[in-house]
N, C-alpha and C. Protein backbone atom coordinates (compact mmCIF):
# COMPACT_ATOMS: atom_id res chain seq x y z
N MET A 1 38.20 -72.54 68.32
CA MET A 1 36.66 -72.09 69.28
C MET A 1 36.23 -73.36 69.44
N SER A 2 35.54 -73.47 70.88
CA SER A 2 34.80 -74.61 71.09
C SER A 2 33.48 -74.75 70.76
N PRO A 3 32.97 -75.75 70.48
CA PRO A 3 31.50 -75.89 69.89
C PRO A 3 30.64 -75.14 70.81
N ILE A 4 29.61 -74.77 70.48
CA ILE A 4 28.50 -74.40 71.47
C ILE A 4 28.10 -75.50 72.21
N GLU A 5 27.64 -75.03 73.54
CA GLU A 5 26.97 -76.05 74.38
C GLU A 5 25.61 -75.52 74.67
N LEU A 6 24.89 -76.55 74.87
CA LEU A 6 23.41 -76.51 75.04
C LEU A 6 23.04 -76.41 76.56
N ASN A 7 22.01 -75.56 76.82
CA ASN A 7 21.52 -75.61 78.26
C ASN A 7 20.25 -76.65 78.42
N LYS A 8 19.72 -76.95 79.50
CA LYS A 8 19.15 -77.99 79.68
C LYS A 8 17.88 -77.75 78.89
N ARG A 9 17.06 -76.63 78.74
CA ARG A 9 16.12 -76.13 78.01
C ARG A 9 16.21 -76.50 76.50
N GLN A 10 17.37 -75.95 75.95
CA GLN A 10 17.76 -76.21 74.66
C GLN A 10 17.71 -77.66 74.24
N GLU A 11 18.18 -78.61 75.04
CA GLU A 11 18.27 -79.94 74.95
C GLU A 11 16.79 -80.62 75.26
N ASN A 12 15.78 -79.76 75.86
CA ASN A 12 14.48 -80.60 76.06
C ASN A 12 13.77 -80.36 74.38
N ILE A 13 14.05 -78.83 74.22
CA ILE A 13 13.64 -78.18 72.50
C ILE A 13 13.87 -79.56 71.52
N LEU A 14 15.20 -79.76 71.69
CA LEU A 14 15.64 -80.86 70.51
C LEU A 14 15.11 -82.24 70.73
N GLN A 15 14.87 -82.72 71.89
CA GLN A 15 14.23 -83.81 71.95
C GLN A 15 12.77 -83.71 71.57
N ILE A 16 11.84 -82.73 72.16
CA ILE A 16 10.64 -82.63 71.38
C ILE A 16 10.52 -82.68 69.75
N VAL A 17 11.47 -81.96 69.38
CA VAL A 17 11.60 -81.94 67.90
C VAL A 17 11.58 -83.05 67.14
N LYS A 18 12.72 -83.70 67.63
CA LYS A 18 13.04 -85.09 67.40
C LYS A 18 12.20 -86.21 67.16
N GLU A 19 11.40 -86.14 68.25
CA GLU A 19 10.16 -87.02 68.14
C GLU A 19 8.79 -86.60 67.64
N ASN A 20 8.78 -85.15 67.25
CA ASN A 20 7.42 -84.64 66.97
C ASN A 20 7.49 -83.99 65.59
N GLY A 21 8.63 -83.59 65.12
CA GLY A 21 8.87 -82.78 64.01
C GLY A 21 8.22 -83.27 62.80
N PRO A 22 7.77 -82.25 61.81
CA PRO A 22 7.59 -80.90 62.12
C PRO A 22 7.02 -80.81 63.12
N ILE A 23 7.19 -79.42 63.92
CA ILE A 23 6.50 -78.99 65.03
C ILE A 23 6.47 -77.32 65.08
N THR A 24 5.58 -76.65 65.30
CA THR A 24 5.61 -75.41 65.52
C THR A 24 6.24 -74.64 66.48
N GLY A 25 6.49 -73.81 66.87
CA GLY A 25 7.15 -73.01 68.18
C GLY A 25 6.02 -73.00 68.95
N GLU A 26 4.89 -72.64 68.69
CA GLU A 26 3.90 -72.68 69.49
C GLU A 26 3.61 -74.04 70.28
N HIS A 27 3.64 -74.96 69.69
CA HIS A 27 3.39 -76.38 70.08
C HIS A 27 4.62 -76.82 70.77
N ILE A 28 5.64 -76.61 70.44
CA ILE A 28 6.99 -76.75 71.50
C ILE A 28 6.84 -75.89 72.58
N ALA A 29 6.07 -74.65 72.95
CA ALA A 29 5.99 -73.82 73.93
C ALA A 29 4.98 -74.26 74.94
N GLU A 30 3.97 -74.98 74.31
CA GLU A 30 2.73 -75.70 74.88
C GLU A 30 3.30 -77.02 75.77
N ARG A 31 4.33 -77.47 75.11
CA ARG A 31 4.88 -79.11 75.71
C ARG A 31 5.61 -78.62 77.07
N LEU A 32 6.18 -77.58 76.61
CA LEU A 32 7.36 -77.32 77.83
C LEU A 32 6.61 -76.19 78.99
N ASN A 33 5.14 -75.91 78.73
CA ASN A 33 4.57 -75.07 79.67
C ASN A 33 5.10 -73.55 79.62
N LEU A 34 5.51 -73.05 78.63
CA LEU A 34 6.22 -71.65 78.64
C LEU A 34 5.30 -70.96 77.38
N THR A 35 5.88 -69.81 77.41
CA THR A 35 5.32 -68.79 76.21
C THR A 35 6.26 -69.09 75.14
N ARG A 36 5.75 -68.72 73.56
CA ARG A 36 6.61 -68.65 72.68
C ARG A 36 7.59 -67.61 72.64
N ALA A 37 7.26 -66.37 73.37
CA ALA A 37 8.29 -65.45 73.40
C ALA A 37 9.47 -65.79 74.31
N THR A 38 9.30 -66.71 75.51
CA THR A 38 10.23 -67.27 76.05
C THR A 38 11.40 -68.19 75.25
N LEU A 39 10.58 -69.08 74.34
CA LEU A 39 11.36 -69.86 73.67
C LEU A 39 11.93 -69.31 72.54
N ARG A 40 11.82 -68.12 72.23
CA ARG A 40 12.25 -67.41 70.80
C ARG A 40 13.77 -67.58 70.67
N PRO A 41 14.51 -67.08 71.93
CA PRO A 41 16.17 -67.17 71.61
C PRO A 41 16.61 -68.35 71.48
N ASP A 42 16.08 -69.48 72.22
CA ASP A 42 16.60 -70.72 72.12
C ASP A 42 16.49 -71.49 70.81
N LEU A 43 15.21 -71.37 70.36
CA LEU A 43 14.67 -71.79 68.92
C LEU A 43 15.76 -70.90 67.85
N ALA A 44 15.87 -69.70 68.14
CA ALA A 44 16.97 -68.83 67.15
C ALA A 44 18.26 -69.84 67.18
N ILE A 45 18.69 -69.79 68.16
CA ILE A 45 20.25 -70.27 68.68
C ILE A 45 20.29 -71.58 67.83
N LEU A 46 19.40 -72.63 68.39
CA LEU A 46 19.39 -73.80 67.84
C LEU A 46 19.00 -74.03 66.09
N THR A 47 18.68 -72.89 65.73
CA THR A 47 18.46 -73.04 64.15
C THR A 47 19.80 -72.48 63.63
N MET A 48 20.45 -71.34 64.18
CA MET A 48 21.58 -70.81 63.65
C MET A 48 22.97 -71.83 63.96
N ALA A 49 22.81 -72.69 65.05
CA ALA A 49 23.79 -73.66 65.20
C ALA A 49 23.73 -74.88 64.30
N GLY A 50 22.86 -74.83 63.63
CA GLY A 50 22.63 -76.27 62.82
C GLY A 50 21.93 -77.36 63.41
N PHE A 51 21.24 -77.13 64.66
CA PHE A 51 20.86 -78.36 65.23
C PHE A 51 19.07 -78.57 64.52
N LEU A 52 18.55 -77.17 64.48
CA LEU A 52 17.04 -77.39 63.79
C LEU A 52 17.04 -77.03 62.53
N ASP A 53 16.12 -76.93 61.56
CA ASP A 53 15.75 -76.05 60.30
C ASP A 53 14.32 -75.84 60.49
N ALA A 54 13.91 -74.85 60.03
CA ALA A 54 12.57 -74.19 60.25
C ALA A 54 12.24 -73.90 58.86
N ARG A 55 10.92 -74.09 58.70
CA ARG A 55 10.10 -73.92 57.42
C ARG A 55 8.79 -72.67 57.74
N PRO A 56 8.48 -71.84 57.15
CA PRO A 56 7.78 -71.12 57.54
C PRO A 56 6.31 -71.70 57.10
N ARG A 57 5.28 -71.75 58.10
CA ARG A 57 4.11 -72.47 58.08
C ARG A 57 3.90 -73.94 58.37
N VAL A 58 5.14 -74.13 58.52
CA VAL A 58 5.31 -75.95 58.68
C VAL A 58 5.92 -75.92 60.26
N GLY A 59 7.04 -75.25 60.28
CA GLY A 59 7.61 -75.92 61.84
C GLY A 59 9.08 -76.15 61.93
N TYR A 60 9.34 -76.85 62.69
CA TYR A 60 11.12 -77.12 63.00
C TYR A 60 11.21 -78.57 62.89
N PHE A 61 12.60 -78.84 62.32
CA PHE A 61 12.63 -80.13 61.86
C PHE A 61 13.95 -80.12 62.65
N TYR A 62 14.40 -81.63 63.16
CA TYR A 62 15.43 -81.75 63.64
C TYR A 62 16.68 -82.14 62.62
N SER A 63 17.52 -81.39 62.49
CA SER A 63 18.57 -81.43 61.10
C SER A 63 19.34 -82.74 61.32
N GLY A 64 19.43 -83.30 62.09
CA GLY A 64 20.37 -84.69 62.36
C GLY A 64 22.09 -84.36 62.47
N LYS A 65 22.35 -83.15 62.31
CA LYS A 65 23.76 -82.93 62.13
C LYS A 65 24.22 -82.29 63.79
N LYS A 66 25.60 -82.61 63.92
CA LYS A 66 26.20 -82.00 65.28
C LYS A 66 26.34 -80.60 65.06
N SER A 67 26.63 -79.73 65.75
CA SER A 67 27.05 -78.44 65.36
C SER A 67 28.55 -78.42 65.72
N SER A 68 29.41 -77.62 64.74
CA SER A 68 30.69 -77.25 65.04
C SER A 68 30.84 -75.78 64.81
N VAL A 69 29.92 -74.97 64.99
CA VAL A 69 29.83 -73.63 65.04
C VAL A 69 30.40 -73.02 66.19
N SER A 70 31.31 -72.15 66.23
CA SER A 70 31.83 -71.87 67.49
C SER A 70 30.83 -70.73 67.92
N LEU A 71 31.43 -70.57 69.36
CA LEU A 71 30.42 -69.61 70.22
C LEU A 71 30.41 -68.24 69.62
N THR A 72 31.56 -67.92 68.90
CA THR A 72 31.61 -66.69 68.30
C THR A 72 30.94 -66.34 67.15
N ASP A 73 30.87 -67.67 66.35
CA ASP A 73 29.89 -67.42 65.24
C ASP A 73 28.50 -67.55 65.40
N SER A 74 28.25 -68.20 66.40
CA SER A 74 26.78 -68.27 66.71
C SER A 74 26.09 -66.89 67.25
N ILE A 75 27.07 -65.77 67.85
CA ILE A 75 26.75 -64.71 68.53
C ILE A 75 26.48 -63.83 67.04
N HIS A 76 27.35 -64.04 66.00
CA HIS A 76 27.37 -63.15 65.06
C HIS A 76 25.82 -63.30 64.22
N ASN A 77 25.55 -64.86 64.21
CA ASN A 77 24.17 -64.97 63.48
C ASN A 77 23.11 -64.82 64.19
N LEU A 78 22.98 -64.28 65.19
CA LEU A 78 22.07 -63.83 66.01
C LEU A 78 21.29 -62.58 65.37
N LYS A 79 19.92 -62.51 65.13
CA LYS A 79 19.46 -61.34 64.58
C LYS A 79 18.36 -60.62 65.49
N VAL A 80 18.50 -59.49 65.20
CA VAL A 80 17.68 -58.49 65.99
C VAL A 80 16.22 -59.16 65.90
N LYS A 81 15.69 -59.40 64.78
CA LYS A 81 14.30 -59.94 64.68
C LYS A 81 13.86 -61.07 65.32
N ASP A 82 15.00 -61.65 66.08
CA ASP A 82 14.24 -62.83 66.73
C ASP A 82 14.30 -62.52 68.38
N PHE A 83 14.99 -61.41 68.61
CA PHE A 83 14.97 -60.90 70.13
C PHE A 83 14.26 -59.51 70.30
N HIS A 84 13.78 -58.65 69.45
CA HIS A 84 13.29 -57.31 69.93
C HIS A 84 12.03 -57.37 70.42
N SER A 85 11.71 -56.57 71.32
CA SER A 85 10.26 -56.58 71.75
C SER A 85 9.57 -55.15 71.36
N GLY A 86 8.17 -55.19 71.58
CA GLY A 86 7.40 -54.18 70.96
C GLY A 86 7.64 -52.51 71.32
N PRO A 87 7.29 -51.93 70.47
CA PRO A 87 8.33 -50.25 70.46
C PRO A 87 7.27 -49.65 71.57
N VAL A 88 7.68 -48.58 72.32
CA VAL A 88 6.92 -47.63 73.13
C VAL A 88 6.79 -46.37 72.42
N VAL A 89 5.87 -46.07 72.08
CA VAL A 89 5.82 -44.65 71.01
C VAL A 89 4.96 -43.67 71.45
N VAL A 90 5.28 -42.43 71.34
CA VAL A 90 4.22 -41.52 71.76
C VAL A 90 4.38 -40.40 70.38
N PRO A 91 2.99 -39.55 70.30
CA PRO A 91 3.29 -38.56 69.64
C PRO A 91 4.11 -37.27 69.56
N GLU A 92 4.47 -36.76 68.53
CA GLU A 92 5.44 -35.62 68.84
C GLU A 92 4.51 -34.51 69.70
N THR A 93 3.09 -34.34 69.42
CA THR A 93 2.42 -33.51 70.08
C THR A 93 2.19 -33.68 71.87
N MET A 94 2.51 -34.74 72.06
CA MET A 94 2.48 -34.98 73.64
C MET A 94 3.25 -34.19 74.36
N THR A 95 2.63 -33.90 75.61
CA THR A 95 3.19 -32.80 76.43
C THR A 95 4.47 -33.60 77.25
N VAL A 96 5.29 -32.84 77.57
CA VAL A 96 6.48 -33.44 78.65
C VAL A 96 5.74 -34.16 79.97
N TYR A 97 4.73 -33.22 80.77
CA TYR A 97 4.12 -33.93 81.48
C TYR A 97 3.64 -35.26 81.33
N ASP A 98 2.91 -35.26 80.22
CA ASP A 98 2.25 -36.81 79.95
C ASP A 98 3.14 -37.72 79.71
N ALA A 99 4.33 -37.52 78.84
CA ALA A 99 5.24 -38.25 78.58
C ALA A 99 6.09 -38.91 79.92
N ILE A 100 6.29 -38.15 80.84
CA ILE A 100 6.59 -38.50 82.19
C ILE A 100 5.86 -39.49 82.78
N CYS A 101 4.54 -39.28 82.78
CA CYS A 101 3.73 -40.39 83.11
C CYS A 101 3.53 -41.31 82.39
N PHE A 102 3.74 -41.29 81.34
CA PHE A 102 3.53 -42.39 80.38
C PHE A 102 4.94 -43.42 80.34
N MET A 103 5.99 -42.67 80.66
CA MET A 103 7.24 -43.51 80.78
C MET A 103 7.26 -44.43 82.19
N PHE A 104 6.85 -43.81 83.08
CA PHE A 104 6.83 -44.48 84.46
C PHE A 104 5.67 -45.69 84.19
N SER A 105 4.70 -45.07 83.69
CA SER A 105 3.55 -46.32 83.57
C SER A 105 3.87 -47.90 82.48
N GLU A 106 4.82 -47.15 81.59
CA GLU A 106 5.29 -48.31 80.69
C GLU A 106 6.68 -49.29 81.23
N ASP A 107 7.19 -48.41 82.40
CA ASP A 107 8.29 -48.96 83.06
C ASP A 107 9.44 -49.15 81.96
N VAL A 108 9.51 -48.13 81.13
CA VAL A 108 10.89 -48.17 80.28
C VAL A 108 11.61 -46.73 80.48
N GLY A 109 12.96 -46.98 79.74
CA GLY A 109 13.80 -45.75 80.08
C GLY A 109 13.82 -44.84 78.77
N THR A 110 13.32 -45.27 77.48
CA THR A 110 13.25 -44.32 76.47
C THR A 110 11.88 -44.51 75.65
N LEU A 111 11.50 -43.26 75.33
CA LEU A 111 10.25 -43.37 74.43
C LEU A 111 10.57 -42.76 72.73
N PHE A 112 9.90 -43.44 72.41
CA PHE A 112 10.12 -43.17 70.60
C PHE A 112 9.32 -42.21 70.28
N VAL A 113 9.21 -41.07 69.41
CA VAL A 113 8.52 -40.21 69.17
C VAL A 113 8.21 -40.30 67.66
N VAL A 114 6.81 -40.13 66.95
CA VAL A 114 6.57 -40.30 66.04
C VAL A 114 5.59 -39.06 65.43
N ASP A 115 5.62 -38.95 64.17
CA ASP A 115 4.75 -37.74 63.46
C ASP A 115 3.68 -38.38 63.49
N LYS A 116 2.58 -37.30 62.56
CA LYS A 116 1.27 -37.68 62.13
C LYS A 116 1.06 -38.63 61.25
N ASN A 117 2.09 -39.14 60.22
CA ASN A 117 2.07 -40.30 59.58
C ASN A 117 2.87 -41.68 60.18
N GLU A 118 3.00 -41.67 61.62
CA GLU A 118 3.76 -42.48 62.40
C GLU A 118 5.13 -42.79 61.92
N PHE A 119 6.01 -41.99 61.20
CA PHE A 119 7.30 -42.00 61.07
C PHE A 119 8.22 -41.63 62.10
N LEU A 120 9.27 -42.17 62.50
CA LEU A 120 10.18 -41.88 63.56
C LEU A 120 10.73 -40.43 63.63
N THR A 121 10.74 -39.57 64.13
CA THR A 121 10.85 -38.24 64.44
C THR A 121 11.81 -38.31 65.50
N GLY A 122 11.91 -38.87 66.62
CA GLY A 122 12.64 -38.57 67.75
C GLY A 122 12.53 -39.50 68.78
N VAL A 123 13.90 -39.27 69.80
CA VAL A 123 13.66 -40.31 70.76
C VAL A 123 13.74 -39.16 72.14
N LEU A 124 13.08 -39.89 73.14
CA LEU A 124 13.09 -39.18 74.29
C LEU A 124 13.91 -40.22 75.64
N SER A 125 14.65 -39.72 76.23
CA SER A 125 15.29 -40.46 77.23
C SER A 125 14.91 -39.98 78.79
N ARG A 126 15.04 -40.64 79.58
CA ARG A 126 15.15 -40.17 81.15
C ARG A 126 15.76 -38.84 81.41
N LYS A 127 16.90 -38.92 80.80
CA LYS A 127 17.83 -37.47 80.92
C LYS A 127 17.08 -36.33 80.71
N ASP A 128 16.46 -36.52 78.98
CA ASP A 128 15.82 -35.23 78.73
C ASP A 128 14.65 -35.05 79.56
N LEU A 129 13.92 -35.75 79.94
CA LEU A 129 12.66 -35.56 80.67
C LEU A 129 12.77 -34.78 82.01
N LEU A 130 14.08 -35.50 82.92
CA LEU A 130 14.46 -34.98 83.80
C LEU A 130 14.82 -33.49 83.68
N ARG A 131 15.65 -33.34 82.73
CA ARG A 131 16.46 -31.87 82.33
C ARG A 131 15.47 -30.69 82.52
N THR A 132 14.06 -31.36 81.58
CA THR A 132 13.31 -30.18 81.47
C THR A 132 12.36 -29.99 82.63
N SER A 133 12.33 -31.05 83.59
CA SER A 133 11.62 -30.84 84.77
C SER A 133 12.04 -30.10 85.81
N ILE A 134 13.43 -29.80 85.60
CA ILE A 134 14.18 -29.01 86.74
C ILE A 134 14.06 -27.47 86.21
N GLY A 135 13.26 -26.72 87.09
CA GLY A 135 12.75 -25.66 86.75
C GLY A 135 11.58 -24.99 87.17
N THR A 136 11.02 -23.85 86.51
CA THR A 136 9.56 -23.48 86.69
C THR A 136 8.68 -23.50 85.59
N GLN A 137 9.28 -24.34 84.54
CA GLN A 137 8.47 -24.28 83.21
C GLN A 137 7.28 -25.23 83.79
N ASP A 138 6.16 -24.86 82.66
CA ASP A 138 4.86 -25.56 82.98
C ASP A 138 4.95 -26.89 82.08
N LEU A 139 5.14 -27.77 82.59
CA LEU A 139 5.51 -29.03 81.61
C LEU A 139 4.07 -29.51 80.98
N ASN A 140 3.04 -29.14 81.41
CA ASN A 140 1.99 -29.39 80.49
C ASN A 140 1.61 -28.55 79.14
N LYS A 141 2.69 -27.58 79.08
CA LYS A 141 2.35 -26.60 78.11
C LYS A 141 3.91 -26.89 76.94
N ILE A 142 4.71 -28.06 77.05
CA ILE A 142 6.02 -28.15 76.43
C ILE A 142 5.74 -29.30 75.89
N PRO A 143 5.52 -29.35 74.18
CA PRO A 143 5.52 -30.49 73.94
C PRO A 143 6.88 -31.38 73.34
N VAL A 144 6.68 -32.66 73.48
CA VAL A 144 8.03 -33.24 73.39
C VAL A 144 9.00 -33.12 72.11
N HIS A 145 8.23 -32.54 71.22
CA HIS A 145 9.17 -32.25 69.79
C HIS A 145 10.18 -30.95 70.61
N ILE A 146 10.03 -30.64 71.06
CA ILE A 146 10.53 -29.30 71.63
C ILE A 146 12.07 -29.84 72.45
N ILE A 147 12.01 -30.88 72.92
CA ILE A 147 13.18 -31.33 73.89
C ILE A 147 13.84 -32.52 73.16
N MET A 148 13.15 -33.40 72.12
CA MET A 148 13.71 -34.83 71.88
C MET A 148 14.75 -34.68 71.11
N THR A 149 15.31 -35.75 70.90
CA THR A 149 17.01 -35.83 70.31
C THR A 149 15.95 -35.98 68.96
N ARG A 150 16.55 -35.38 67.79
CA ARG A 150 15.68 -35.51 66.16
C ARG A 150 16.84 -36.23 65.42
N MET A 151 15.90 -36.82 64.25
CA MET A 151 16.57 -37.18 63.37
C MET A 151 17.48 -36.29 62.69
N PRO A 152 18.68 -36.31 62.05
CA PRO A 152 19.40 -37.86 61.67
C PRO A 152 20.49 -38.19 63.04
N ASN A 153 20.01 -37.54 64.26
CA ASN A 153 21.14 -37.83 65.21
C ASN A 153 20.72 -39.22 66.17
N ILE A 154 19.84 -39.99 65.52
CA ILE A 154 19.26 -41.02 66.12
C ILE A 154 19.86 -42.38 65.71
N SER A 155 20.29 -43.13 66.63
CA SER A 155 20.61 -44.50 66.21
C SER A 155 19.58 -45.32 66.06
N TYR A 156 19.55 -46.21 64.90
CA TYR A 156 18.64 -47.33 65.15
C TYR A 156 18.84 -48.60 64.41
N CYS A 157 18.19 -49.61 64.18
CA CYS A 157 18.34 -50.98 63.51
C CYS A 157 17.41 -51.24 63.00
N GLU A 158 17.78 -52.28 62.21
CA GLU A 158 16.72 -53.01 60.98
C GLU A 158 16.71 -54.43 61.90
N ARG A 159 15.38 -55.10 61.41
CA ARG A 159 15.09 -56.51 62.16
C ARG A 159 16.40 -57.48 61.33
N SER A 160 16.91 -57.09 60.05
CA SER A 160 17.82 -58.18 59.63
C SER A 160 18.97 -58.00 59.92
N ASP A 161 19.43 -56.78 61.18
CA ASP A 161 20.88 -56.60 61.28
C ASP A 161 21.18 -57.86 62.39
N SER A 162 22.12 -57.79 62.82
CA SER A 162 23.05 -58.85 63.65
C SER A 162 22.68 -58.31 64.96
N LEU A 163 22.91 -58.83 66.18
CA LEU A 163 22.45 -58.35 67.49
C LEU A 163 23.99 -57.89 67.85
N VAL A 164 25.28 -58.55 67.26
CA VAL A 164 26.32 -57.47 67.55
C VAL A 164 26.43 -56.08 66.75
N VAL A 165 25.99 -56.02 65.57
CA VAL A 165 25.99 -54.67 65.00
C VAL A 165 25.27 -53.68 65.97
N ALA A 166 23.76 -54.13 66.45
CA ALA A 166 23.14 -53.50 67.47
C ALA A 166 23.79 -53.14 68.54
N ALA A 167 24.34 -53.97 69.33
CA ALA A 167 25.21 -53.85 70.64
C ALA A 167 26.33 -52.81 70.30
N ASN A 168 26.85 -52.69 69.16
CA ASN A 168 27.90 -51.96 68.90
C ASN A 168 27.33 -50.39 68.82
N LYS A 169 26.04 -50.20 68.24
CA LYS A 169 25.67 -48.80 68.19
C LYS A 169 25.10 -48.65 69.87
N LEU A 170 24.56 -49.45 70.56
CA LEU A 170 24.33 -49.06 71.91
C LEU A 170 25.24 -48.41 72.71
N ILE A 171 26.63 -49.34 72.80
CA ILE A 171 27.73 -48.56 73.09
C ILE A 171 28.52 -47.31 72.59
N GLU A 172 28.33 -47.26 71.17
CA GLU A 172 28.99 -46.04 70.92
C GLU A 172 28.21 -44.95 71.41
N ARG A 173 27.01 -45.06 71.07
CA ARG A 173 25.98 -43.86 71.37
C ARG A 173 25.85 -43.66 72.69
N GLU A 174 26.05 -44.59 73.74
CA GLU A 174 25.59 -44.76 75.15
C GLU A 174 24.28 -44.39 75.67
N VAL A 175 23.56 -45.05 74.76
CA VAL A 175 22.04 -45.00 75.06
C VAL A 175 21.39 -46.54 75.46
N ASP A 176 20.15 -46.51 76.24
CA ASP A 176 19.96 -47.73 76.69
C ASP A 176 19.15 -48.78 75.42
N SER A 177 18.43 -48.17 74.36
CA SER A 177 17.83 -48.81 73.71
C SER A 177 17.86 -47.83 72.45
N LEU A 178 17.37 -49.06 71.37
CA LEU A 178 17.37 -48.40 69.76
C LEU A 178 15.96 -48.82 69.27
N PRO A 179 15.71 -48.02 68.26
CA PRO A 179 14.26 -48.44 67.81
C PRO A 179 14.47 -49.28 66.72
N VAL A 180 13.94 -50.46 66.31
CA VAL A 180 13.78 -51.15 65.26
C VAL A 180 12.84 -50.61 64.38
N VAL A 181 13.67 -50.57 63.01
CA VAL A 181 12.56 -49.81 62.12
C VAL A 181 12.57 -50.57 60.64
N GLU A 182 11.50 -50.29 59.81
CA GLU A 182 11.58 -50.58 58.43
C GLU A 182 11.55 -49.17 57.49
N PRO A 183 12.29 -49.34 56.73
CA PRO A 183 12.45 -48.18 55.94
C PRO A 183 11.03 -48.11 54.76
N GLN A 184 10.35 -47.08 55.00
CA GLN A 184 9.31 -47.03 53.87
C GLN A 184 9.44 -45.49 53.20
N GLU A 185 8.64 -45.42 52.07
CA GLU A 185 8.70 -44.21 51.52
C GLU A 185 8.20 -42.94 52.29
N GLY A 186 8.97 -42.06 52.48
CA GLY A 186 8.70 -40.86 53.30
C GLY A 186 9.29 -40.74 54.94
N GLY A 187 9.65 -42.23 55.24
CA GLY A 187 10.19 -42.08 56.40
C GLY A 187 10.57 -43.67 56.93
N LEU A 188 10.61 -43.59 58.02
CA LEU A 188 11.09 -44.85 59.10
C LEU A 188 9.79 -45.35 59.81
N THR A 189 9.22 -46.71 59.90
CA THR A 189 8.17 -47.25 60.67
C THR A 189 8.77 -47.76 61.91
N ILE A 190 8.15 -47.41 62.79
CA ILE A 190 9.12 -48.31 64.30
C ILE A 190 8.29 -49.64 64.48
N VAL A 191 8.88 -50.54 64.38
CA VAL A 191 8.29 -52.12 64.64
C VAL A 191 8.75 -52.58 65.84
N GLY A 192 9.72 -51.95 66.60
CA GLY A 192 10.02 -52.92 67.94
C GLY A 192 11.26 -52.15 68.62
N ARG A 193 11.68 -52.88 69.56
CA ARG A 193 12.61 -51.87 70.41
C ARG A 193 13.67 -52.86 70.88
N LEU A 194 15.07 -52.43 70.83
CA LEU A 194 16.20 -53.58 71.27
C LEU A 194 16.86 -52.83 72.38
N THR A 195 16.90 -53.30 73.50
CA THR A 195 17.47 -52.73 74.79
C THR A 195 18.77 -53.40 75.27
N LYS A 196 19.47 -53.15 75.97
CA LYS A 196 20.82 -53.58 76.59
C LYS A 196 20.22 -54.91 77.26
N THR A 197 19.43 -54.99 78.02
CA THR A 197 18.82 -56.00 78.88
C THR A 197 18.33 -57.31 77.56
N THR A 198 17.86 -56.77 76.64
CA THR A 198 17.20 -58.01 75.71
C THR A 198 18.86 -58.55 74.96
N ILE A 199 19.65 -57.51 74.60
CA ILE A 199 20.96 -58.04 74.20
C ILE A 199 21.89 -58.90 75.34
N THR A 200 21.91 -58.58 76.52
CA THR A 200 22.66 -59.46 77.54
C THR A 200 21.75 -60.71 77.90
N ARG A 201 20.60 -60.83 77.64
CA ARG A 201 19.73 -61.96 77.81
C ARG A 201 20.10 -62.92 76.57
N ALA A 202 20.07 -62.33 75.58
CA ALA A 202 20.28 -63.07 74.18
C ALA A 202 21.61 -63.80 74.25
N PHE A 203 22.63 -62.90 74.67
CA PHE A 203 23.90 -63.31 74.89
C PHE A 203 24.45 -64.64 75.76
N LEU A 204 23.79 -64.27 76.97
CA LEU A 204 23.61 -64.92 78.05
C LEU A 204 23.09 -66.61 77.95
N SER A 205 22.06 -66.58 76.85
CA SER A 205 21.43 -67.81 76.64
C SER A 205 22.45 -68.70 75.96
N LEU A 206 23.29 -68.15 75.26
CA LEU A 206 24.26 -68.97 74.39
C LEU A 206 25.57 -69.49 75.23
N ALA A 207 25.68 -69.02 76.32
CA ALA A 207 26.68 -69.50 77.34
C ALA A 207 26.21 -70.17 78.31
N GLN A 208 24.79 -70.59 78.62
CA GLN A 208 24.34 -71.38 79.79
C GLN A 208 24.41 -72.71 79.43
N ASN A 209 24.98 -73.58 80.26
CA ASN A 209 24.88 -75.03 79.89
C ASN A 209 24.67 -75.92 81.26
N ASP A 210 23.72 -75.24 81.94
CA ASP A 210 23.32 -75.95 83.31
C ASP A 210 21.65 -76.07 83.14
């Protein structure tokens, strides 16, 4: 396997850390006039590839070693926690009509449903809502828990999972996104959302070298 190649932004990040380390991700982002969220994939890749070391509450250090990590190894080292976005959650008492409006206002393809304890109980897709809206039923009187996909028939991932594991779940279940959860006593708390688009961007960032 050939060693990982860096894109221009990743090279700029390395130069900043070499000259200013230890330096936080926020300060790196400021110097590049970018957001911290935009840099998160690049920082994760540089850390996993061995170019940078990171310490909590301290920042990033230049490790001083050249990477011999293959692209395949780097991909397997990418974690859900470094790439997931915020969850889009609705209560199971919400009506189908309100869920349709909420889905379009949030511009997402999947809604995660929670109970009164904020634990994951179901998932709503565009197909679920479309299927229910066809016909003469009053959508203002149908709660989403009637039509949602329920546990245990829901695929999910945890923050410590690799992106490869999450990608396999997306492909196997033929869904657009996964809830990112943290197990709690009594259920699963939703802490994020991982989509096909997110994973595609993460993998492409490994291959960019221009």
